[in-house]
Every structure is written in C-alpha cells, then in structure tokens.
N, C-alpha and C. Protein backbone atom coordinates (compact mmCIF):
# COMPACT_ATOMS: atom_id res chain seq x y z
N MET A 1 -82.08 -46.83 -10.45
CA MET A 1 -80.86 -46.03 -10.44
C MET A 1 -80.21 -46.11 -9.07
N GLU A 2 -78.90 -46.24 -9.07
CA GLU A 2 -78.16 -46.32 -7.82
C GLU A 2 -77.59 -44.94 -7.47
N TYR A 3 -77.79 -44.54 -6.24
CA TYR A 3 -77.31 -43.24 -5.77
C TYR A 3 -76.16 -43.46 -4.80
N ASN A 4 -75.14 -42.59 -4.86
CA ASN A 4 -74.00 -42.77 -3.96
C ASN A 4 -73.64 -41.50 -3.20
N VAL A 5 -74.45 -40.46 -3.32
CA VAL A 5 -74.21 -39.21 -2.61
C VAL A 5 -75.53 -38.70 -2.03
N VAL A 6 -75.45 -38.14 -0.83
CA VAL A 6 -76.60 -37.44 -0.27
C VAL A 6 -76.18 -36.00 -0.02
N THR A 7 -77.03 -35.09 -0.40
CA THR A 7 -76.76 -33.68 -0.13
C THR A 7 -77.91 -33.12 0.69
N ILE A 8 -77.58 -32.18 1.57
CA ILE A 8 -78.60 -31.54 2.40
C ILE A 8 -78.61 -30.06 2.09
N ALA A 9 -79.78 -29.58 1.69
CA ALA A 9 -79.96 -28.15 1.41
C ALA A 9 -80.85 -27.56 2.50
N LYS A 10 -80.39 -26.48 3.12
CA LYS A 10 -81.20 -25.79 4.12
C LYS A 10 -81.97 -24.70 3.39
N VAL A 11 -83.29 -24.79 3.45
CA VAL A 11 -84.17 -23.87 2.74
C VAL A 11 -84.88 -22.98 3.76
N MET A 12 -84.70 -21.67 3.58
CA MET A 12 -85.35 -20.70 4.47
C MET A 12 -86.56 -20.11 3.74
N PRO A 13 -87.74 -20.22 4.34
CA PRO A 13 -88.91 -19.59 3.74
C PRO A 13 -88.86 -18.07 3.89
N VAL A 14 -89.66 -17.35 3.10
CA VAL A 14 -89.63 -15.89 3.14
C VAL A 14 -90.18 -15.34 4.45
N SER A 15 -91.08 -16.09 5.11
CA SER A 15 -91.63 -15.60 6.38
C SER A 15 -92.15 -16.77 7.22
N PRO A 16 -92.39 -16.52 8.51
CA PRO A 16 -92.95 -17.57 9.36
C PRO A 16 -94.36 -18.00 8.92
N GLU A 17 -95.05 -17.13 8.18
CA GLU A 17 -96.41 -17.44 7.73
C GLU A 17 -96.45 -18.32 6.49
N THR A 18 -95.30 -18.58 5.89
CA THR A 18 -95.26 -19.41 4.68
C THR A 18 -95.82 -20.79 4.99
N ASP A 19 -96.70 -21.28 4.12
CA ASP A 19 -97.29 -22.61 4.27
C ASP A 19 -96.20 -23.65 3.99
N ARG A 20 -95.70 -24.28 5.04
CA ARG A 20 -94.59 -25.23 4.89
C ARG A 20 -94.98 -26.46 4.10
N GLU A 21 -96.19 -26.93 4.26
CA GLU A 21 -96.62 -28.13 3.52
C GLU A 21 -96.66 -27.83 2.02
N GLU A 22 -97.13 -26.66 1.65
CA GLU A 22 -97.15 -26.26 0.25
C GLU A 22 -95.72 -26.09 -0.27
N LEU A 23 -94.86 -25.51 0.55
CA LEU A 23 -93.47 -25.32 0.17
C LEU A 23 -92.79 -26.67 -0.04
N LYS A 24 -93.08 -27.65 0.81
CA LYS A 24 -92.51 -28.99 0.64
C LYS A 24 -92.93 -29.59 -0.70
N LYS A 25 -94.19 -29.42 -1.07
CA LYS A 25 -94.67 -29.94 -2.36
C LYS A 25 -93.96 -29.24 -3.51
N ASP A 26 -93.77 -27.92 -3.39
CA ASP A 26 -93.07 -27.18 -4.43
C ASP A 26 -91.63 -27.65 -4.59
N ILE A 27 -90.97 -27.91 -3.45
CA ILE A 27 -89.58 -28.39 -3.48
C ILE A 27 -89.53 -29.77 -4.15
N GLU A 28 -90.45 -30.63 -3.76
CA GLU A 28 -90.50 -31.98 -4.34
C GLU A 28 -90.63 -31.91 -5.86
N GLY A 29 -91.42 -30.98 -6.35
CA GLY A 29 -91.61 -30.83 -7.78
C GLY A 29 -90.40 -30.27 -8.51
N LYS A 30 -89.47 -29.66 -7.79
CA LYS A 30 -88.29 -29.07 -8.40
C LYS A 30 -87.07 -29.99 -8.44
N ILE A 31 -87.15 -31.13 -7.77
CA ILE A 31 -86.00 -32.05 -7.76
C ILE A 31 -85.83 -32.64 -9.16
N PRO A 32 -84.64 -32.50 -9.76
CA PRO A 32 -84.42 -33.04 -11.11
C PRO A 32 -84.74 -34.54 -11.19
N HIS A 33 -85.18 -34.97 -12.36
CA HIS A 33 -85.63 -36.36 -12.54
C HIS A 33 -84.53 -37.40 -12.31
N ASN A 34 -83.28 -37.00 -12.42
CA ASN A 34 -82.18 -37.96 -12.22
C ASN A 34 -81.71 -38.02 -10.76
N MET A 35 -82.48 -37.39 -9.87
CA MET A 35 -82.18 -37.40 -8.44
C MET A 35 -83.43 -37.85 -7.69
N LYS A 36 -83.27 -38.11 -6.39
CA LYS A 36 -84.41 -38.58 -5.60
C LYS A 36 -84.48 -37.81 -4.29
N LEU A 37 -85.67 -37.28 -4.01
CA LEU A 37 -85.89 -36.63 -2.72
C LEU A 37 -85.99 -37.73 -1.66
N HIS A 38 -85.11 -37.70 -0.68
CA HIS A 38 -85.13 -38.71 0.37
C HIS A 38 -86.10 -38.31 1.48
N LYS A 39 -85.94 -37.08 2.01
CA LYS A 39 -86.85 -36.60 3.05
C LYS A 39 -86.66 -35.11 3.24
N ILE A 40 -87.62 -34.49 3.92
CA ILE A 40 -87.53 -33.08 4.29
C ILE A 40 -87.82 -33.00 5.78
N GLU A 41 -86.87 -32.43 6.53
CA GLU A 41 -87.04 -32.26 7.98
C GLU A 41 -87.22 -30.79 8.31
N GLU A 42 -88.06 -30.51 9.28
CA GLU A 42 -88.25 -29.14 9.75
C GLU A 42 -87.27 -28.84 10.87
N GLU A 43 -86.70 -27.63 10.84
CA GLU A 43 -85.76 -27.19 11.86
C GLU A 43 -86.17 -25.81 12.37
N PRO A 44 -86.74 -25.74 13.59
CA PRO A 44 -87.10 -24.43 14.13
C PRO A 44 -85.87 -23.54 14.26
N ILE A 45 -86.00 -22.28 13.81
CA ILE A 45 -84.88 -21.34 13.85
C ILE A 45 -85.10 -20.34 14.98
N ALA A 46 -86.05 -19.43 14.80
CA ALA A 46 -86.35 -18.43 15.83
C ALA A 46 -87.61 -17.67 15.44
N PHE A 47 -88.32 -17.18 16.44
CA PHE A 47 -89.49 -16.33 16.23
C PHE A 47 -90.50 -16.95 15.26
N GLY A 48 -90.70 -18.25 15.34
CA GLY A 48 -91.67 -18.93 14.50
C GLY A 48 -91.17 -19.32 13.13
N LEU A 49 -89.96 -18.94 12.78
CA LEU A 49 -89.41 -19.29 11.48
C LEU A 49 -88.87 -20.72 11.53
N VAL A 50 -89.24 -21.51 10.54
CA VAL A 50 -88.82 -22.90 10.48
C VAL A 50 -88.13 -23.15 9.14
N ALA A 51 -86.88 -23.60 9.19
CA ALA A 51 -86.13 -23.96 7.98
C ALA A 51 -86.49 -25.39 7.60
N LEU A 52 -86.32 -25.70 6.32
CA LEU A 52 -86.53 -27.06 5.84
C LEU A 52 -85.18 -27.62 5.40
N ASN A 53 -84.81 -28.75 5.96
CA ASN A 53 -83.59 -29.45 5.55
C ASN A 53 -84.01 -30.51 4.53
N VAL A 54 -83.57 -30.31 3.30
CA VAL A 54 -83.98 -31.15 2.17
C VAL A 54 -82.85 -32.12 1.85
N PHE A 55 -83.13 -33.42 2.00
CA PHE A 55 -82.15 -34.47 1.74
C PHE A 55 -82.40 -35.03 0.34
N VAL A 56 -81.40 -34.93 -0.53
CA VAL A 56 -81.54 -35.39 -1.91
C VAL A 56 -80.45 -36.40 -2.22
N LEU A 57 -80.85 -37.51 -2.83
CA LEU A 57 -79.91 -38.55 -3.24
C LEU A 57 -79.56 -38.35 -4.71
N LEU A 58 -78.26 -38.50 -5.05
CA LEU A 58 -77.83 -38.35 -6.43
C LEU A 58 -76.57 -39.16 -6.67
N ASN A 59 -76.17 -39.21 -7.91
CA ASN A 59 -74.95 -39.90 -8.30
C ASN A 59 -73.85 -38.86 -8.43
N ASP A 60 -72.69 -39.08 -7.84
CA ASP A 60 -71.64 -38.06 -7.85
C ASP A 60 -71.11 -37.74 -9.25
N ALA A 61 -71.32 -38.60 -10.20
CA ALA A 61 -70.87 -38.35 -11.57
C ALA A 61 -71.69 -37.24 -12.22
N GLU A 62 -72.87 -36.97 -11.68
CA GLU A 62 -73.75 -35.98 -12.27
C GLU A 62 -73.38 -34.55 -11.92
N GLY A 63 -72.70 -34.35 -10.78
CA GLY A 63 -72.34 -33.00 -10.36
C GLY A 63 -73.55 -32.10 -10.21
N GLY A 64 -74.62 -32.61 -9.65
CA GLY A 64 -75.88 -31.89 -9.64
C GLY A 64 -76.19 -31.06 -8.41
N VAL A 65 -75.25 -30.88 -7.50
CA VAL A 65 -75.54 -30.12 -6.29
C VAL A 65 -75.97 -28.69 -6.63
N GLU A 66 -75.30 -28.08 -7.61
CA GLU A 66 -75.66 -26.72 -8.02
C GLU A 66 -77.05 -26.68 -8.63
N ASP A 67 -77.42 -27.76 -9.34
CA ASP A 67 -78.76 -27.84 -9.94
C ASP A 67 -79.85 -27.81 -8.87
N ILE A 68 -79.62 -28.54 -7.78
CA ILE A 68 -80.59 -28.59 -6.70
C ILE A 68 -80.80 -27.19 -6.14
N GLU A 69 -79.70 -26.52 -5.82
CA GLU A 69 -79.76 -25.18 -5.25
C GLU A 69 -80.48 -24.22 -6.20
N LYS A 70 -80.13 -24.25 -7.46
CA LYS A 70 -80.72 -23.35 -8.46
C LYS A 70 -82.23 -23.58 -8.59
N LYS A 71 -82.63 -24.84 -8.69
CA LYS A 71 -84.06 -25.17 -8.86
C LYS A 71 -84.89 -24.73 -7.65
N ILE A 72 -84.38 -24.95 -6.44
CA ILE A 72 -85.14 -24.58 -5.24
C ILE A 72 -85.23 -23.06 -5.12
N ARG A 73 -84.18 -22.34 -5.51
CA ARG A 73 -84.20 -20.87 -5.49
C ARG A 73 -85.31 -20.29 -6.35
N GLU A 74 -85.75 -21.02 -7.37
CA GLU A 74 -86.79 -20.55 -8.28
C GLU A 74 -88.16 -20.46 -7.61
N ILE A 75 -88.34 -21.08 -6.47
CA ILE A 75 -89.63 -21.10 -5.78
C ILE A 75 -89.86 -19.74 -5.11
N ASN A 76 -91.04 -19.17 -5.31
CA ASN A 76 -91.36 -17.83 -4.80
C ASN A 76 -91.25 -17.71 -3.29
N ASP A 77 -91.67 -18.72 -2.53
CA ASP A 77 -91.69 -18.63 -1.07
C ASP A 77 -90.34 -18.93 -0.42
N VAL A 78 -89.29 -19.07 -1.23
CA VAL A 78 -87.96 -19.38 -0.70
C VAL A 78 -87.14 -18.09 -0.61
N SER A 79 -86.60 -17.84 0.58
CA SER A 79 -85.75 -16.68 0.80
C SER A 79 -84.29 -17.01 0.55
N GLU A 80 -83.86 -18.19 1.00
CA GLU A 80 -82.45 -18.57 0.96
C GLU A 80 -82.31 -20.07 0.82
N VAL A 81 -81.27 -20.50 0.10
CA VAL A 81 -80.95 -21.92 -0.03
C VAL A 81 -79.45 -22.07 0.18
N ASP A 82 -79.06 -22.93 1.11
CA ASP A 82 -77.65 -23.19 1.34
C ASP A 82 -77.43 -24.70 1.35
N ILE A 83 -76.44 -25.14 0.60
CA ILE A 83 -76.04 -26.55 0.66
C ILE A 83 -75.17 -26.68 1.91
N VAL A 84 -75.67 -27.41 2.90
CA VAL A 84 -74.97 -27.50 4.18
C VAL A 84 -74.14 -28.77 4.34
N ASP A 85 -74.40 -29.76 3.48
CA ASP A 85 -73.63 -31.00 3.61
C ASP A 85 -73.74 -31.80 2.32
N VAL A 86 -72.65 -32.44 1.95
CA VAL A 86 -72.62 -33.38 0.83
C VAL A 86 -71.78 -34.56 1.31
N ARG A 87 -72.37 -35.75 1.28
CA ARG A 87 -71.65 -36.94 1.78
C ARG A 87 -71.83 -38.12 0.85
N ARG A 88 -70.83 -38.92 0.83
CA ARG A 88 -70.87 -40.17 0.09
C ARG A 88 -71.61 -41.21 0.91
N LEU A 89 -72.46 -41.96 0.25
CA LEU A 89 -73.17 -43.06 0.93
C LEU A 89 -72.28 -44.29 0.93
N LEU A 90 -72.35 -45.05 1.99
CA LEU A 90 -71.53 -46.27 2.09
C LEU A 90 -72.32 -47.48 1.65
C-alpha cells in the first residue's frame, strides 16, 4: 500500500509513572489496519511527564486522522490526544 500523508498525534499519559513501553505497544495495537505506524518519539514535558509523538502513515483518501485520535483515546493510560500535524509526503 502506498501512503501519501503523515500525521503526528501527541499522546499524553495519565501520569509520569505510566509505563511508556507498555503504552507504546498499546498504541501500536490501536493503529487501523489500513494505516502504518512509522515511529513513536518521546518528548519530555515537565516534572517527569513524557509525551509520545506518534507518527502514522496513511492515504489522504481515507480521511482517517479522526480514527487515529479516537482509537488512541480508548487506551486507559492515555490522558489526552492531540493531532499536532498532518502533512503530505513528497
């Protein structure tokens, strides 16, 4: 499948004690089958809290940005999900 869009979702865990590796696995399992998880980067915020920037590849015809946000919100250890960027791949 060819992907032409990358979206970045900033995922905030519920607390600094949240197991980030487990959260990454949970996020990976929530990515819809017609999309591809490219990578997850950690971003220190403050007081030990670390956000996860989730890069997902998709086809713009699918309109799936809302799906990504909705699926990640379903995870118990997630406090907040914000789509921070959507870009076309060249």
